Amino acid sequence: MTTYGLLVFDEVEELDFVGPWEVFQASALLRGGADTAVLVAEHTGPVRCVKGLRVLPDHTLDDHPPLDVVLVPGGRGARQVQVRNPWVTDWLAKTADRADWVHGVCTGAFLLHAAGPARGRRVATHWQHEDELAGHGDVTVVRDARYVVDGKLLTSQGVSAGIDSALWLVGRLHGRDHARAVRRAIQYDPAPPYLADEPVPA
């Protein structure tokens, strides 16, 4: 059984945790309900995400099951607020130490750096914030990979890269064929109508 704990907080980026949540829950369904995913927050009340979505956590920082995987999403809340919240950083340092895997998405890498698990590691983060993260020191920002694995730390670039890294993780935990089945189940086969690196017409 694998228990995934996804940290949420005010001004978290929605898809940074909802995308991996979809992957983890689809994986659990394909495994006959053998796994579970839970949302963990500092308080029991609703969490308002950066674009307005509100979610209810399942557990608080001091009341959750043992976590095999800890996921830390990004957003302004991760980059600017939670990095200065000792309740969250202390919890993350302790919980990450006990977990089998620590999974950061987007600017969740800033929170992982503040808490310690990303110190001295190779990490990925959102392209707009790579220089800022590198400027904190004691971290190597990898700029040309959607996700990076360093020991038991898995970090990714933003939003859709979080889905990619979550699929890699379920493949690592439960096999590549299982990960392919999860990808097919959620019909994750990106075909964007517009390329992000296309020049904007004058």
N, C-alpha and C. Protein backbone atom coordinates (compact mmCIF):
# COMPACT_ATOMS: atom_id res chain seq x y z
N MET A 1 0.84 -1.20 0.00
CA MET A 1 0.00 0.00 0.00
C MET A 1 0.87 1.24 0.00
N THR A 2 0.52 2.21 -0.82
CA THR A 2 1.22 3.48 -0.88
C THR A 2 0.28 4.59 -0.43
N THR A 3 0.72 5.41 0.51
CA THR A 3 -0.07 6.55 0.96
C THR A 3 0.62 7.82 0.49
N TYR A 4 -0.11 8.58 -0.33
CA TYR A 4 0.39 9.84 -0.86
C TYR A 4 -0.20 10.98 -0.04
N GLY A 5 0.65 11.85 0.46
CA GLY A 5 0.19 13.03 1.18
C GLY A 5 0.51 14.28 0.39
N LEU A 6 -0.50 15.03 0.01
CA LEU A 6 -0.32 16.24 -0.80
C LEU A 6 -0.55 17.45 0.09
N LEU A 7 0.48 18.23 0.31
CA LEU A 7 0.39 19.42 1.13
C LEU A 7 -0.36 20.51 0.37
N VAL A 8 -1.31 21.15 1.04
CA VAL A 8 -2.02 22.28 0.44
C VAL A 8 -2.02 23.45 1.41
N PHE A 9 -2.13 24.65 0.87
CA PHE A 9 -2.04 25.88 1.66
C PHE A 9 -2.65 27.00 0.83
N ASP A 10 -2.97 28.10 1.48
CA ASP A 10 -3.55 29.23 0.74
C ASP A 10 -2.59 29.68 -0.36
N GLU A 11 -3.18 30.01 -1.52
CA GLU A 11 -2.47 30.47 -2.70
C GLU A 11 -1.53 29.39 -3.28
N VAL A 12 -1.95 28.15 -3.15
CA VAL A 12 -1.28 27.04 -3.84
C VAL A 12 -1.77 27.04 -5.28
N GLU A 13 -0.92 26.64 -6.20
CA GLU A 13 -1.30 26.52 -7.61
C GLU A 13 -2.14 25.26 -7.79
N GLU A 14 -3.35 25.42 -8.31
CA GLU A 14 -4.30 24.31 -8.35
C GLU A 14 -3.75 23.06 -9.02
N LEU A 15 -3.34 23.17 -10.27
CA LEU A 15 -2.95 21.96 -11.00
C LEU A 15 -1.65 21.33 -10.50
N ASP A 16 -0.89 22.07 -9.72
CA ASP A 16 0.34 21.48 -9.16
C ASP A 16 0.04 20.32 -8.23
N PHE A 17 -1.14 20.35 -7.59
CA PHE A 17 -1.50 19.18 -6.77
C PHE A 17 -2.66 18.39 -7.35
N VAL A 18 -3.56 19.05 -8.09
CA VAL A 18 -4.71 18.33 -8.65
C VAL A 18 -4.26 17.38 -9.76
N GLY A 19 -3.27 17.79 -10.59
CA GLY A 19 -2.77 16.90 -11.63
C GLY A 19 -2.18 15.62 -11.05
N PRO A 20 -1.20 15.71 -10.12
CA PRO A 20 -0.69 14.50 -9.48
C PRO A 20 -1.77 13.73 -8.72
N TRP A 21 -2.71 14.45 -8.09
CA TRP A 21 -3.81 13.77 -7.38
C TRP A 21 -4.55 12.84 -8.34
N GLU A 22 -4.85 13.34 -9.54
CA GLU A 22 -5.53 12.51 -10.55
C GLU A 22 -4.71 11.26 -10.87
N VAL A 23 -3.41 11.45 -11.03
CA VAL A 23 -2.53 10.31 -11.33
C VAL A 23 -2.53 9.31 -10.17
N PHE A 24 -2.35 9.80 -8.95
CA PHE A 24 -2.27 8.90 -7.80
C PHE A 24 -3.58 8.16 -7.55
N GLN A 25 -4.70 8.86 -7.72
CA GLN A 25 -5.98 8.21 -7.48
C GLN A 25 -6.34 7.23 -8.59
N ALA A 26 -5.99 7.57 -9.84
CA ALA A 26 -6.21 6.61 -10.93
C ALA A 26 -5.35 5.38 -10.71
N SER A 27 -4.13 5.60 -10.27
CA SER A 27 -3.24 4.47 -9.95
C SER A 27 -3.85 3.60 -8.86
N ALA A 28 -4.39 4.24 -7.82
CA ALA A 28 -4.99 3.48 -6.72
C ALA A 28 -6.18 2.66 -7.21
N LEU A 29 -7.02 3.25 -8.07
CA LEU A 29 -8.17 2.53 -8.59
C LEU A 29 -7.74 1.30 -9.39
N LEU A 30 -6.71 1.47 -10.21
CA LEU A 30 -6.22 0.35 -11.01
C LEU A 30 -5.57 -0.73 -10.15
N ARG A 31 -5.17 -0.37 -8.96
CA ARG A 31 -4.59 -1.34 -8.02
C ARG A 31 -5.62 -1.85 -7.03
N GLY A 32 -6.90 -1.69 -7.38
CA GLY A 32 -7.96 -2.23 -6.55
C GLY A 32 -8.14 -1.51 -5.23
N GLY A 33 -7.79 -0.23 -5.20
CA GLY A 33 -7.94 0.53 -3.97
C GLY A 33 -6.86 0.26 -2.95
N ALA A 34 -5.74 -0.29 -3.40
CA ALA A 34 -4.66 -0.62 -2.46
C ALA A 34 -3.96 0.61 -1.91
N ASP A 35 -4.05 1.73 -2.63
CA ASP A 35 -3.35 2.95 -2.23
C ASP A 35 -4.36 4.03 -1.85
N THR A 36 -3.85 5.09 -1.26
CA THR A 36 -4.71 6.21 -0.91
C THR A 36 -3.95 7.52 -1.05
N ALA A 37 -4.66 8.58 -1.36
CA ALA A 37 -4.09 9.92 -1.42
C ALA A 37 -4.90 10.82 -0.51
N VAL A 38 -4.20 11.68 0.24
CA VAL A 38 -4.87 12.58 1.18
C VAL A 38 -4.29 13.98 1.03
N LEU A 39 -5.14 14.98 1.31
CA LEU A 39 -4.70 16.36 1.35
C LEU A 39 -4.39 16.73 2.80
N VAL A 40 -3.23 17.34 2.99
CA VAL A 40 -2.78 17.71 4.34
C VAL A 40 -2.55 19.21 4.37
N ALA A 41 -3.04 19.86 5.43
CA ALA A 41 -2.89 21.32 5.56
C ALA A 41 -2.62 21.67 7.02
N GLU A 42 -2.22 22.91 7.23
CA GLU A 42 -1.93 23.35 8.60
C GLU A 42 -3.20 23.38 9.44
N HIS A 43 -4.32 23.77 8.84
CA HIS A 43 -5.59 23.90 9.56
C HIS A 43 -6.66 23.05 8.88
N THR A 44 -7.80 22.91 9.55
CA THR A 44 -8.88 22.07 9.03
C THR A 44 -9.79 22.82 8.06
N GLY A 45 -9.73 24.13 8.03
CA GLY A 45 -10.67 24.91 7.21
C GLY A 45 -10.33 24.88 5.75
N PRO A 46 -11.20 25.48 4.92
CA PRO A 46 -10.97 25.49 3.48
C PRO A 46 -9.67 26.20 3.11
N VAL A 47 -9.02 25.69 2.10
CA VAL A 47 -7.81 26.29 1.54
C VAL A 47 -8.21 26.97 0.23
N ARG A 48 -7.87 28.24 0.08
CA ARG A 48 -8.18 28.96 -1.15
C ARG A 48 -6.94 28.98 -2.03
N CYS A 49 -7.05 28.37 -3.19
CA CYS A 49 -5.92 28.26 -4.11
C CYS A 49 -5.69 29.58 -4.83
N VAL A 50 -4.58 29.67 -5.56
CA VAL A 50 -4.17 30.94 -6.13
C VAL A 50 -5.16 31.47 -7.18
N LYS A 51 -5.88 30.58 -7.84
CA LYS A 51 -6.85 31.02 -8.85
C LYS A 51 -8.28 30.94 -8.35
N GLY A 52 -8.45 30.73 -7.06
CA GLY A 52 -9.78 30.83 -6.46
C GLY A 52 -10.45 29.53 -6.07
N LEU A 53 -9.97 28.39 -6.56
CA LEU A 53 -10.56 27.11 -6.16
C LEU A 53 -10.38 26.92 -4.66
N ARG A 54 -11.42 26.42 -3.99
CA ARG A 54 -11.32 26.12 -2.56
C ARG A 54 -11.41 24.62 -2.35
N VAL A 55 -10.55 24.09 -1.49
CA VAL A 55 -10.53 22.66 -1.20
C VAL A 55 -10.51 22.46 0.31
N LEU A 56 -11.02 21.31 0.74
CA LEU A 56 -11.00 20.94 2.15
C LEU A 56 -9.94 19.87 2.38
N PRO A 57 -9.01 20.12 3.28
CA PRO A 57 -8.00 19.09 3.58
C PRO A 57 -8.61 17.90 4.31
N ASP A 58 -7.96 16.76 4.16
CA ASP A 58 -8.39 15.56 4.87
C ASP A 58 -7.78 15.48 6.26
N HIS A 59 -6.58 16.03 6.40
CA HIS A 59 -5.85 15.92 7.65
C HIS A 59 -5.07 17.20 7.92
N THR A 60 -4.66 17.38 9.17
CA THR A 60 -3.79 18.48 9.53
C THR A 60 -2.36 17.97 9.68
N LEU A 61 -1.44 18.90 9.87
CA LEU A 61 -0.02 18.54 9.98
C LEU A 61 0.27 17.60 11.13
N ASP A 62 -0.53 17.68 12.19
CA ASP A 62 -0.28 16.82 13.36
C ASP A 62 -1.28 15.68 13.48
N ASP A 63 -2.03 15.43 12.41
CA ASP A 63 -3.04 14.37 12.46
C ASP A 63 -3.23 13.78 11.07
N HIS A 64 -2.30 12.95 10.66
CA HIS A 64 -2.40 12.29 9.36
C HIS A 64 -1.73 10.92 9.45
N PRO A 65 -2.06 10.03 8.54
CA PRO A 65 -1.42 8.71 8.55
C PRO A 65 0.03 8.82 8.11
N PRO A 66 0.83 7.78 8.37
CA PRO A 66 2.20 7.78 7.85
C PRO A 66 2.18 7.91 6.33
N LEU A 67 3.05 8.76 5.80
CA LEU A 67 3.06 9.06 4.37
C LEU A 67 4.27 8.43 3.70
N ASP A 68 4.01 7.68 2.64
CA ASP A 68 5.10 7.11 1.85
C ASP A 68 5.64 8.14 0.86
N VAL A 69 4.75 8.97 0.36
CA VAL A 69 5.11 10.02 -0.60
C VAL A 69 4.56 11.35 -0.08
N VAL A 70 5.41 12.36 -0.06
CA VAL A 70 4.99 13.71 0.31
C VAL A 70 5.11 14.60 -0.92
N LEU A 71 4.01 15.21 -1.34
CA LEU A 71 4.03 16.09 -2.49
C LEU A 71 3.89 17.54 -2.04
N VAL A 72 4.77 18.39 -2.56
CA VAL A 72 4.77 19.81 -2.23
C VAL A 72 4.53 20.61 -3.51
N PRO A 73 3.35 21.18 -3.69
CA PRO A 73 3.06 21.95 -4.89
C PRO A 73 3.61 23.37 -4.78
N GLY A 74 3.49 24.12 -5.88
CA GLY A 74 3.99 25.48 -5.91
C GLY A 74 2.88 26.51 -5.83
N GLY A 75 3.18 27.68 -6.33
CA GLY A 75 2.27 28.81 -6.23
C GLY A 75 2.87 29.89 -5.35
N ARG A 76 2.25 31.06 -5.36
CA ARG A 76 2.77 32.15 -4.55
C ARG A 76 2.83 31.77 -3.07
N GLY A 77 1.88 30.97 -2.63
CA GLY A 77 1.87 30.55 -1.24
C GLY A 77 3.10 29.77 -0.85
N ALA A 78 3.61 28.95 -1.77
CA ALA A 78 4.83 28.17 -1.50
C ALA A 78 6.05 29.06 -1.53
N ARG A 79 6.12 29.92 -2.54
CA ARG A 79 7.34 30.69 -2.82
C ARG A 79 7.55 31.85 -1.85
N GLN A 80 6.44 32.45 -1.41
CA GLN A 80 6.57 33.68 -0.62
C GLN A 80 6.04 33.59 0.81
N VAL A 81 5.12 32.67 1.07
CA VAL A 81 4.48 32.64 2.38
C VAL A 81 4.95 31.46 3.23
N GLN A 82 4.75 30.24 2.73
CA GLN A 82 5.05 29.06 3.54
C GLN A 82 6.53 28.88 3.82
N VAL A 83 7.38 29.46 2.99
CA VAL A 83 8.83 29.37 3.25
C VAL A 83 9.18 30.07 4.56
N ARG A 84 8.30 30.96 5.06
CA ARG A 84 8.53 31.67 6.31
C ARG A 84 7.62 31.16 7.43
N ASN A 85 7.01 30.02 7.22
CA ASN A 85 6.09 29.44 8.20
C ASN A 85 6.78 28.26 8.88
N PRO A 86 7.28 28.45 10.11
CA PRO A 86 8.04 27.37 10.75
C PRO A 86 7.22 26.12 11.04
N TRP A 87 5.89 26.28 11.21
CA TRP A 87 5.05 25.10 11.43
C TRP A 87 5.11 24.18 10.21
N VAL A 88 5.07 24.78 9.03
CA VAL A 88 5.08 23.99 7.79
C VAL A 88 6.49 23.49 7.48
N THR A 89 7.49 24.34 7.58
CA THR A 89 8.86 23.91 7.24
C THR A 89 9.35 22.84 8.20
N ASP A 90 9.04 22.97 9.48
CA ASP A 90 9.47 21.94 10.44
C ASP A 90 8.76 20.62 10.16
N TRP A 91 7.45 20.71 9.89
CA TRP A 91 6.71 19.48 9.57
C TRP A 91 7.26 18.84 8.31
N LEU A 92 7.54 19.63 7.30
CA LEU A 92 8.02 19.10 6.04
C LEU A 92 9.39 18.45 6.21
N ALA A 93 10.27 19.07 6.98
CA ALA A 93 11.60 18.48 7.21
C ALA A 93 11.48 17.11 7.86
N LYS A 94 10.64 17.00 8.88
CA LYS A 94 10.49 15.73 9.60
C LYS A 94 9.78 14.68 8.75
N THR A 95 8.71 15.09 8.08
CA THR A 95 7.91 14.15 7.30
C THR A 95 8.68 13.67 6.07
N ALA A 96 9.42 14.56 5.44
CA ALA A 96 10.22 14.19 4.27
C ALA A 96 11.30 13.19 4.66
N ASP A 97 11.84 13.36 5.83
CA ASP A 97 12.89 12.44 6.28
C ASP A 97 12.37 11.02 6.43
N ARG A 98 11.12 10.89 6.84
CA ARG A 98 10.54 9.57 7.06
C ARG A 98 9.94 8.96 5.79
N ALA A 99 9.62 9.79 4.81
CA ALA A 99 8.94 9.32 3.60
C ALA A 99 9.90 8.58 2.67
N ASP A 100 9.35 7.73 1.82
CA ASP A 100 10.14 7.05 0.80
C ASP A 100 10.49 7.99 -0.35
N TRP A 101 9.54 8.90 -0.68
CA TRP A 101 9.74 9.83 -1.78
C TRP A 101 9.22 11.21 -1.38
N VAL A 102 9.93 12.22 -1.84
CA VAL A 102 9.50 13.61 -1.68
C VAL A 102 9.36 14.19 -3.08
N HIS A 103 8.18 14.73 -3.37
CA HIS A 103 7.84 15.12 -4.74
C HIS A 103 7.49 16.60 -4.75
N GLY A 104 8.29 17.42 -5.39
CA GLY A 104 8.03 18.84 -5.51
C GLY A 104 7.58 19.20 -6.91
N VAL A 105 6.58 20.06 -7.01
CA VAL A 105 6.08 20.52 -8.31
C VAL A 105 6.24 22.04 -8.38
N CYS A 106 6.79 22.51 -9.49
CA CYS A 106 6.89 23.93 -9.76
C CYS A 106 7.68 24.63 -8.65
N THR A 107 7.16 25.72 -8.12
CA THR A 107 7.88 26.47 -7.09
C THR A 107 7.72 25.85 -5.71
N GLY A 108 7.16 24.67 -5.65
CA GLY A 108 7.25 23.89 -4.41
C GLY A 108 8.71 23.64 -4.04
N ALA A 109 9.60 23.74 -5.04
CA ALA A 109 11.03 23.59 -4.77
C ALA A 109 11.54 24.63 -3.79
N PHE A 110 10.94 25.83 -3.79
CA PHE A 110 11.34 26.86 -2.83
C PHE A 110 11.04 26.42 -1.40
N LEU A 111 9.87 25.82 -1.22
CA LEU A 111 9.50 25.35 0.11
C LEU A 111 10.36 24.17 0.53
N LEU A 112 10.68 23.30 -0.40
CA LEU A 112 11.57 22.18 -0.10
C LEU A 112 12.98 22.67 0.23
N HIS A 113 13.41 23.75 -0.40
CA HIS A 113 14.70 24.33 -0.07
C HIS A 113 14.67 24.95 1.33
N ALA A 114 13.61 25.69 1.64
CA ALA A 114 13.50 26.32 2.95
C ALA A 114 13.45 25.29 4.07
N ALA A 115 12.77 24.17 3.81
CA ALA A 115 12.62 23.12 4.82
C ALA A 115 13.84 22.22 4.92
N GLY A 116 14.65 22.18 3.86
CA GLY A 116 15.87 21.39 3.91
C GLY A 116 16.01 20.28 2.89
N PRO A 117 14.94 19.57 2.50
CA PRO A 117 15.13 18.41 1.61
C PRO A 117 15.78 18.72 0.27
N ALA A 118 15.67 19.96 -0.22
CA ALA A 118 16.28 20.30 -1.52
C ALA A 118 17.68 20.87 -1.37
N ARG A 119 18.16 21.07 -0.17
CA ARG A 119 19.49 21.64 0.03
C ARG A 119 20.56 20.67 -0.49
N GLY A 120 21.46 21.20 -1.29
CA GLY A 120 22.54 20.39 -1.84
C GLY A 120 22.10 19.43 -2.93
N ARG A 121 20.90 19.60 -3.43
CA ARG A 121 20.33 18.68 -4.43
C ARG A 121 20.20 19.34 -5.80
N ARG A 122 19.96 18.51 -6.80
CA ARG A 122 19.62 18.96 -8.14
C ARG A 122 18.10 19.00 -8.23
N VAL A 123 17.55 20.13 -8.67
CA VAL A 123 16.10 20.28 -8.69
C VAL A 123 15.64 20.97 -9.97
N ALA A 124 14.36 20.80 -10.25
CA ALA A 124 13.68 21.53 -11.32
C ALA A 124 12.64 22.43 -10.68
N THR A 125 12.34 23.55 -11.35
CA THR A 125 11.27 24.44 -10.91
C THR A 125 10.74 25.19 -12.13
N HIS A 126 9.77 26.05 -11.92
CA HIS A 126 9.18 26.80 -13.02
C HIS A 126 10.24 27.69 -13.67
N TRP A 127 10.23 27.78 -14.99
CA TRP A 127 11.29 28.49 -15.71
C TRP A 127 11.40 29.96 -15.30
N GLN A 128 10.29 30.57 -14.89
CA GLN A 128 10.34 31.98 -14.52
C GLN A 128 11.07 32.22 -13.20
N HIS A 129 11.25 31.17 -12.43
CA HIS A 129 11.82 31.33 -11.08
C HIS A 129 13.13 30.57 -10.89
N GLU A 130 13.72 30.10 -11.98
CA GLU A 130 14.97 29.34 -11.86
C GLU A 130 16.09 30.19 -11.27
N ASP A 131 16.28 31.40 -11.78
CA ASP A 131 17.35 32.26 -11.28
C ASP A 131 17.14 32.61 -9.81
N GLU A 132 15.89 32.88 -9.46
CA GLU A 132 15.57 33.23 -8.07
C GLU A 132 15.93 32.09 -7.13
N LEU A 133 15.55 30.87 -7.51
CA LEU A 133 15.85 29.72 -6.65
C LEU A 133 17.35 29.50 -6.57
N ALA A 134 18.03 29.56 -7.71
CA ALA A 134 19.48 29.38 -7.70
C ALA A 134 20.16 30.40 -6.81
N GLY A 135 19.60 31.60 -6.75
CA GLY A 135 20.17 32.66 -5.93
C GLY A 135 20.11 32.38 -4.45
N HIS A 136 19.29 31.43 -4.03
CA HIS A 136 19.23 31.08 -2.61
C HIS A 136 20.46 30.28 -2.17
N GLY A 137 21.16 29.69 -3.14
CA GLY A 137 22.37 28.94 -2.82
C GLY A 137 22.08 27.53 -2.32
N ASP A 138 23.13 26.71 -2.31
CA ASP A 138 23.07 25.34 -1.82
C ASP A 138 22.02 24.51 -2.55
N VAL A 139 21.88 24.77 -3.87
CA VAL A 139 20.96 24.01 -4.69
C VAL A 139 21.41 24.15 -6.14
N THR A 140 21.26 23.10 -6.92
CA THR A 140 21.59 23.13 -8.35
C THR A 140 20.29 23.07 -9.14
N VAL A 141 19.97 24.15 -9.82
CA VAL A 141 18.73 24.21 -10.60
C VAL A 141 19.01 23.67 -12.00
N VAL A 142 18.30 22.62 -12.37
CA VAL A 142 18.44 22.02 -13.70
C VAL A 142 17.41 22.68 -14.61
N ARG A 143 17.90 23.31 -15.68
CA ARG A 143 17.03 24.15 -16.49
C ARG A 143 16.50 23.47 -17.75
N ASP A 144 16.90 22.28 -18.04
CA ASP A 144 16.53 21.67 -19.32
C ASP A 144 15.82 20.34 -19.15
N ALA A 145 15.18 20.12 -18.01
CA ALA A 145 14.49 18.85 -17.78
C ALA A 145 13.13 19.12 -17.15
N ARG A 146 12.10 18.42 -17.61
CA ARG A 146 10.76 18.62 -17.04
C ARG A 146 10.71 18.11 -15.60
N TYR A 147 11.46 17.08 -15.30
CA TYR A 147 11.56 16.64 -13.91
C TYR A 147 12.94 16.07 -13.66
N VAL A 148 13.34 16.11 -12.40
CA VAL A 148 14.69 15.71 -12.00
C VAL A 148 14.57 14.79 -10.79
N VAL A 149 15.34 13.71 -10.80
CA VAL A 149 15.39 12.78 -9.68
C VAL A 149 16.77 12.86 -9.05
N ASP A 150 16.82 13.13 -7.76
CA ASP A 150 18.08 13.16 -7.02
C ASP A 150 17.85 12.42 -5.71
N GLY A 151 18.32 11.16 -5.66
CA GLY A 151 18.02 10.33 -4.51
C GLY A 151 16.53 10.09 -4.43
N LYS A 152 15.94 10.35 -3.27
CA LYS A 152 14.50 10.15 -3.12
C LYS A 152 13.72 11.45 -3.35
N LEU A 153 14.41 12.47 -3.86
CA LEU A 153 13.77 13.75 -4.16
C LEU A 153 13.45 13.83 -5.65
N LEU A 154 12.17 14.04 -5.96
CA LEU A 154 11.68 14.20 -7.33
C LEU A 154 11.08 15.60 -7.44
N THR A 155 11.62 16.42 -8.34
CA THR A 155 11.07 17.76 -8.54
C THR A 155 10.78 17.96 -10.01
N SER A 156 9.84 18.86 -10.28
CA SER A 156 9.44 19.06 -11.68
C SER A 156 9.21 20.54 -11.95
N GLN A 157 9.15 20.86 -13.22
CA GLN A 157 8.73 22.19 -13.65
C GLN A 157 7.23 22.32 -13.38
N GLY A 158 6.58 23.33 -13.94
CA GLY A 158 5.23 23.65 -13.52
C GLY A 158 4.11 22.84 -14.16
N VAL A 159 3.01 22.78 -13.47
CA VAL A 159 1.70 22.29 -13.88
C VAL A 159 1.75 20.95 -14.62
N SER A 160 1.82 20.93 -15.95
CA SER A 160 1.76 19.66 -16.68
C SER A 160 2.97 18.78 -16.38
N ALA A 161 4.11 19.40 -16.06
CA ALA A 161 5.29 18.61 -15.69
C ALA A 161 5.05 17.88 -14.38
N GLY A 162 4.17 18.42 -13.55
CA GLY A 162 3.80 17.71 -12.33
C GLY A 162 3.09 16.40 -12.63
N ILE A 163 2.28 16.40 -13.67
CA ILE A 163 1.62 15.16 -14.10
C ILE A 163 2.66 14.18 -14.63
N ASP A 164 3.60 14.68 -15.44
CA ASP A 164 4.66 13.82 -15.96
C ASP A 164 5.44 13.16 -14.83
N SER A 165 5.82 13.97 -13.84
CA SER A 165 6.63 13.42 -12.76
C SER A 165 5.83 12.45 -11.90
N ALA A 166 4.53 12.72 -11.72
CA ALA A 166 3.69 11.79 -10.97
C ALA A 166 3.57 10.45 -11.69
N LEU A 167 3.45 10.49 -13.02
CA LEU A 167 3.41 9.25 -13.78
C LEU A 167 4.73 8.50 -13.66
N TRP A 168 5.85 9.23 -13.69
CA TRP A 168 7.15 8.57 -13.50
C TRP A 168 7.19 7.89 -12.14
N LEU A 169 6.66 8.58 -11.12
CA LEU A 169 6.73 8.05 -9.76
C LEU A 169 5.89 6.78 -9.61
N VAL A 170 4.66 6.77 -10.13
CA VAL A 170 3.86 5.54 -10.00
C VAL A 170 4.50 4.41 -10.81
N GLY A 171 5.20 4.77 -11.89
CA GLY A 171 5.95 3.75 -12.62
C GLY A 171 7.10 3.20 -11.80
N ARG A 172 7.79 4.07 -11.08
CA ARG A 172 8.89 3.63 -10.22
C ARG A 172 8.38 2.75 -9.08
N LEU A 173 7.23 3.12 -8.54
CA LEU A 173 6.67 2.37 -7.41
C LEU A 173 6.02 1.06 -7.83
N HIS A 174 5.32 1.08 -8.98
CA HIS A 174 4.46 -0.05 -9.32
C HIS A 174 4.69 -0.60 -10.73
N GLY A 175 5.72 -0.12 -11.40
CA GLY A 175 6.08 -0.68 -12.70
C GLY A 175 5.65 0.17 -13.87
N ARG A 176 6.42 0.09 -14.95
CA ARG A 176 6.16 0.91 -16.14
C ARG A 176 4.83 0.56 -16.79
N ASP A 177 4.49 -0.72 -16.84
CA ASP A 177 3.23 -1.10 -17.47
C ASP A 177 2.05 -0.49 -16.70
N HIS A 178 2.17 -0.47 -15.38
CA HIS A 178 1.12 0.15 -14.57
C HIS A 178 1.02 1.65 -14.89
N ALA A 179 2.15 2.32 -14.98
CA ALA A 179 2.14 3.75 -15.28
C ALA A 179 1.52 4.01 -16.65
N ARG A 180 1.81 3.14 -17.62
CA ARG A 180 1.19 3.29 -18.94
C ARG A 180 -0.33 3.12 -18.85
N ALA A 181 -0.76 2.18 -18.01
CA ALA A 181 -2.20 1.96 -17.83
C ALA A 181 -2.85 3.18 -17.18
N VAL A 182 -2.16 3.79 -16.23
CA VAL A 182 -2.68 5.01 -15.60
C VAL A 182 -2.79 6.12 -16.63
N ARG A 183 -1.75 6.28 -17.41
CA ARG A 183 -1.76 7.33 -18.44
C ARG A 183 -2.93 7.13 -19.40
N ARG A 184 -3.18 5.89 -19.78
CA ARG A 184 -4.30 5.62 -20.70
C ARG A 184 -5.63 5.86 -20.00
N ALA A 185 -5.72 5.50 -18.72
CA ALA A 185 -6.97 5.66 -17.99
C ALA A 185 -7.38 7.13 -17.88
N ILE A 186 -6.41 8.00 -17.69
CA ILE A 186 -6.74 9.43 -17.57
C ILE A 186 -6.64 10.14 -18.92
N GLN A 187 -6.38 9.34 -19.97
CA GLN A 187 -6.27 9.84 -21.34
C GLN A 187 -5.32 11.04 -21.42
N TYR A 188 -4.15 10.85 -20.80
CA TYR A 188 -3.13 11.89 -20.81
C TYR A 188 -2.25 11.68 -22.03
N ASP A 189 -2.53 12.43 -23.07
CA ASP A 189 -1.80 12.33 -24.33
C ASP A 189 -1.73 13.73 -24.91
N PRO A 190 -0.90 14.59 -24.33
CA PRO A 190 -0.94 16.02 -24.67
C PRO A 190 -0.75 16.30 -26.16
N ALA A 191 -1.59 17.16 -26.66
CA ALA A 191 -1.49 17.62 -28.05
C ALA A 191 -1.92 19.08 -28.08
N PRO A 192 -1.10 19.99 -27.55
CA PRO A 192 -1.51 21.39 -27.45
C PRO A 192 -1.75 22.01 -28.81
N PRO A 193 -2.81 22.80 -28.95
CA PRO A 193 -3.12 23.41 -30.24
C PRO A 193 -2.14 24.52 -30.63
N TYR A 194 -1.44 25.06 -29.63
CA TYR A 194 -0.47 26.12 -29.89
C TYR A 194 0.80 25.80 -29.13
N LEU A 195 1.95 25.93 -29.80
CA LEU A 195 3.22 25.65 -29.15
C LEU A 195 3.65 26.85 -28.33
N ALA A 196 4.13 26.58 -27.12
CA ALA A 196 4.49 27.67 -26.21
C ALA A 196 5.66 28.50 -26.73
N ASP A 197 6.53 27.89 -27.56
CA ASP A 197 7.72 28.61 -28.00
C ASP A 197 7.55 29.23 -29.39
N GLU A 198 6.31 29.19 -29.90
CA GLU A 198 6.07 29.85 -31.18
C GLU A 198 6.11 31.37 -30.97
N PRO A 199 6.72 32.11 -31.90
CA PRO A 199 6.71 33.57 -31.74
C PRO A 199 5.30 34.14 -31.90
N VAL A 200 5.03 35.15 -31.10
CA VAL A 200 3.72 35.82 -31.17
C VAL A 200 3.72 36.73 -32.39
N PRO A 201 2.70 36.65 -33.27
CA PRO A 201 2.67 37.52 -34.45
C PRO A 201 2.69 39.00 -34.07
N ALA A 202 3.40 39.81 -34.85
CA ALA A 202 3.48 41.25 -34.57
C ALA A 202 2.15 41.92 -34.89
